Amino acid sequence: MRTYIGGHQAVSDTDFVELALGTPVELWLGVEGESETERVARLDAARDILADNPDLPDRVSQVAAEAIEAFAPELFNIVPLVGAKVRRRQPRRNGVAA
């Protein structure tokens, strides 16, 4: 099964993020081994994009929040404790557990 978004095929998680944001992830995160000149040019391009799209940080936050919400159990390897009682820690008094 293939997934297309706006006429573009998304084949990886990175493709989905890039299509959601409209920019390549590397523009914001950089790439390993980039020179100082490449870094300056990348950041300059990022500033231009932000100037043209002031709502982009909000969109990025929304995409990140939705991804975390959708994949939190897998990201954090959460296993629900069914029927288990949670033991609360007693507050410390003078550095000694009560």
C-alpha atoms as a PDB file:
ATOM      1  CA  MET A   1       0.000   0.000   0.000  1.00  0.00           C
ATOM      2  CA  ARG A   2       1.326   3.445  -0.898  1.00  0.00           C
ATOM      3  CA  THR A   3       0.604   6.726   0.833  1.00  0.00           C
ATOM      4  CA  TYR A   4       0.393   9.958  -1.127  1.00  0.00           C
ATOM      5  CA  ILE A   5       0.075  13.406   0.395  1.00  0.00           C
ATOM      6  CA  GLY A   6      -0.592  16.252  -2.009  1.00  0.00           C
ATOM      7  CA  GLY A   7       0.693  14.210  -4.919  1.00  0.00           C
ATOM      8  CA  HIS A   8       3.916  13.215  -3.130  1.00  0.00           C
ATOM      9  CA  GLN A   9       4.599   9.656  -2.040  1.00  0.00           C
ATOM     10  CA  ALA A  10       5.562   9.271   1.611  1.00  0.00           C
ATOM     11  CA  VAL A  11       7.643   6.154   2.211  1.00  0.00           C
ATOM     12  CA  SER A  12       9.269   6.939   5.566  1.00  0.00           C
ATOM     13  CA  ASP A  13       8.606   8.777   8.821  1.00  0.00           C
ATOM     14  CA  THR A  14      10.878  11.561   7.607  1.00  0.00           C
ATOM     15  CA  ASP A  15       8.812  11.928   4.427  1.00  0.00           C
ATOM     16  CA  PHE A  16       5.647  12.360   6.499  1.00  0.00           C
ATOM     17  CA  VAL A  17       7.307  15.010   8.682  1.00  0.00           C
ATOM     18  CA  GLU A  18       8.710  16.879   5.680  1.00  0.00           C
ATOM     19  CA  LEU A  19       5.351  16.835   3.914  1.00  0.00           C
ATOM     20  CA  ALA A  20       3.569  17.990   7.076  1.00  0.00           C
ATOM     21  CA  LEU A  21       5.997  20.865   7.604  1.00  0.00           C
ATOM     22  CA  GLY A  22       6.697  21.723   3.988  1.00  0.00           C
ATOM     23  CA  THR A  23      10.451  21.822   4.616  1.00  0.00           C
ATOM     24  CA  PRO A  24      13.187  19.218   4.916  1.00  0.00           C
ATOM     25  CA  VAL A  25      14.048  18.191   8.466  1.00  0.00           C
ATOM     26  CA  GLU A  26      17.757  18.764   7.786  1.00  0.00           C
ATOM     27  CA  LEU A  27      17.074  22.489   7.322  1.00  0.00           C
ATOM     28  CA  TRP A  28      16.201  22.770  11.002  1.00  0.00           C
ATOM     29  CA  LEU A  29      18.409  20.074  12.511  1.00  0.00           C
ATOM     30  CA  GLY A  30      21.464  20.323  10.298  1.00  0.00           C
ATOM     31  CA  VAL A  31      23.527  17.438   9.025  1.00  0.00           C
ATOM     32  CA  GLU A  32      26.521  15.731  10.509  1.00  0.00           C
ATOM     33  CA  GLY A  33      29.788  17.140   9.251  1.00  0.00           C
ATOM     34  CA  GLU A  34      28.409  20.368   7.786  1.00  0.00           C
ATOM     35  CA  SER A  35      30.916  23.175   7.472  1.00  0.00           C
ATOM     36  CA  GLU A  36      30.502  26.522   9.189  1.00  0.00           C
ATOM     37  CA  THR A  37      29.679  28.098   5.802  1.00  0.00           C
ATOM     38  CA  GLU A  38      26.975  25.469   5.181  1.00  0.00           C
ATOM     39  CA  ARG A  39      25.605  25.996   8.674  1.00  0.00           C
ATOM     40  CA  VAL A  40      25.400  29.782   8.205  1.00  0.00           C
ATOM     41  CA  ALA A  41      23.658  29.338   4.827  1.00  0.00           C
ATOM     42  CA  ARG A  42      21.220  26.787   6.302  1.00  0.00           C
ATOM     43  CA  LEU A  43      20.317  29.041   9.230  1.00  0.00           C
ATOM     44  CA  ASP A  44      19.930  32.018   6.878  1.00  0.00           C
ATOM     45  CA  ALA A  45      17.498  29.999   4.738  1.00  0.00           C
ATOM     46  CA  ALA A  46      15.624  28.924   7.882  1.00  0.00           C
ATOM     47  CA  ARG A  47      15.286  32.553   9.001  1.00  0.00           C
ATOM     48  CA  ASP A  48      13.903  33.486   5.563  1.00  0.00           C
ATOM     49  CA  ILE A  49      11.356  30.663   5.753  1.00  0.00           C
ATOM     50  CA  LEU A  50      10.283  31.736   9.251  1.00  0.00           C
ATOM     51  CA  ALA A  51       9.931  35.341   8.092  1.00  0.00           C
ATOM     52  CA  ASP A  52       7.682  34.206   5.222  1.00  0.00           C
ATOM     53  CA  ASN A  53       5.742  31.724   7.400  1.00  0.00           C
ATOM     54  CA  PRO A  54       5.344  33.121  10.910  1.00  0.00           C
ATOM     55  CA  ASP A  55       2.875  30.335  11.800  1.00  0.00           C
ATOM     56  CA  LEU A  56       5.420  27.592  11.069  1.00  0.00           C
ATOM     57  CA  PRO A  57       6.593  27.185  14.706  1.00  0.00           C
ATOM     58  CA  ASP A  58       2.971  26.604  15.743  1.00  0.00           C
ATOM     59  CA  ARG A  59       2.530  24.015  12.980  1.00  0.00           C
ATOM     60  CA  VAL A  60       5.751  22.276  14.027  1.00  0.00           C
ATOM     61  CA  SER A  61       4.586  22.166  17.644  1.00  0.00           C
ATOM     62  CA  GLN A  62       1.232  20.750  16.569  1.00  0.00           C
ATOM     63  CA  VAL A  63       2.848  18.030  14.416  1.00  0.00           C
ATOM     64  CA  ALA A  64       5.217  17.111  17.262  1.00  0.00           C
ATOM     65  CA  ALA A  65       2.396  16.998  19.817  1.00  0.00           C
ATOM     66  CA  GLU A  66       0.238  14.836  17.549  1.00  0.00           C
ATOM     67  CA  ALA A  67       3.142  12.453  16.899  1.00  0.00           C
ATOM     68  CA  ILE A  68       3.898  12.150  20.606  1.00  0.00           C
ATOM     69  CA  GLU A  69       0.244  11.561  21.400  1.00  0.00           C
ATOM     70  CA  ALA A  70      -0.090   8.919  18.685  1.00  0.00           C
ATOM     71  CA  PHE A  71       3.129   7.078  19.449  1.00  0.00           C
ATOM     72  CA  ALA A  72       3.756   7.758  23.157  1.00  0.00           C
ATOM     73  CA  PRO A  73       3.368   4.138  24.274  1.00  0.00           C
ATOM     74  CA  GLU A  74       5.911   2.999  21.680  1.00  0.00           C
ATOM     75  CA  LEU A  75       8.238   5.953  22.256  1.00  0.00           C
ATOM     76  CA  PHE A  76       8.385   5.499  25.994  1.00  0.00           C
ATOM     77  CA  ASN A  77       7.826   1.731  26.040  1.00  0.00           C
ATOM     78  CA  ILE A  78       4.869   2.192  28.370  1.00  0.00           C
ATOM     79  CA  VAL A  79       3.203  -0.946  29.652  1.00  0.00           C
ATOM     80  CA  PRO A  80      -0.043  -0.349  31.530  1.00  0.00           C
ATOM     81  CA  LEU A  81      -0.179  -1.869  34.992  1.00  0.00           C
ATOM     82  CA  VAL A  82      -3.531  -3.577  35.190  1.00  0.00           C
ATOM     83  CA  GLY A  83      -4.803  -4.089  38.707  1.00  0.00           C
ATOM     84  CA  ALA A  84      -1.488  -3.121  40.301  1.00  0.00           C
ATOM     85  CA  LYS A  85      -1.479  -0.781  43.259  1.00  0.00           C
ATOM     86  CA  VAL A  86       0.894   2.126  43.046  1.00  0.00           C
ATOM     87  CA  ARG A  87       2.930   2.567  46.226  1.00  0.00           C
ATOM     88  CA  ARG A  88       3.445   6.220  46.969  1.00  0.00           C
ATOM     89  CA  ARG A  89       6.701   7.315  48.518  1.00  0.00           C
ATOM     90  CA  GLN A  90       6.520   8.994  51.856  1.00  0.00           C
ATOM     91  CA  PRO A  91       7.927  12.525  51.999  1.00  0.00           C
ATOM     92  CA  ARG A  92      11.369  12.923  53.524  1.00  0.00           C
ATOM     93  CA  ARG A  93      11.769  14.616  56.857  1.00  0.00           C
ATOM     94  CA  ASN A  94      15.165  16.068  57.657  1.00  0.00           C
ATOM     95  CA  GLY A  95      16.709  13.978  54.872  1.00  0.00           C
ATOM     96  CA  VAL A  96      15.294  10.714  56.254  1.00  0.00           C
ATOM     97  CA  ALA A  97      12.463   8.784  54.639  1.00  0.00           C
ATOM     98  CA  ALA A  98       9.434   8.506  56.895  1.00  0.00           C
END
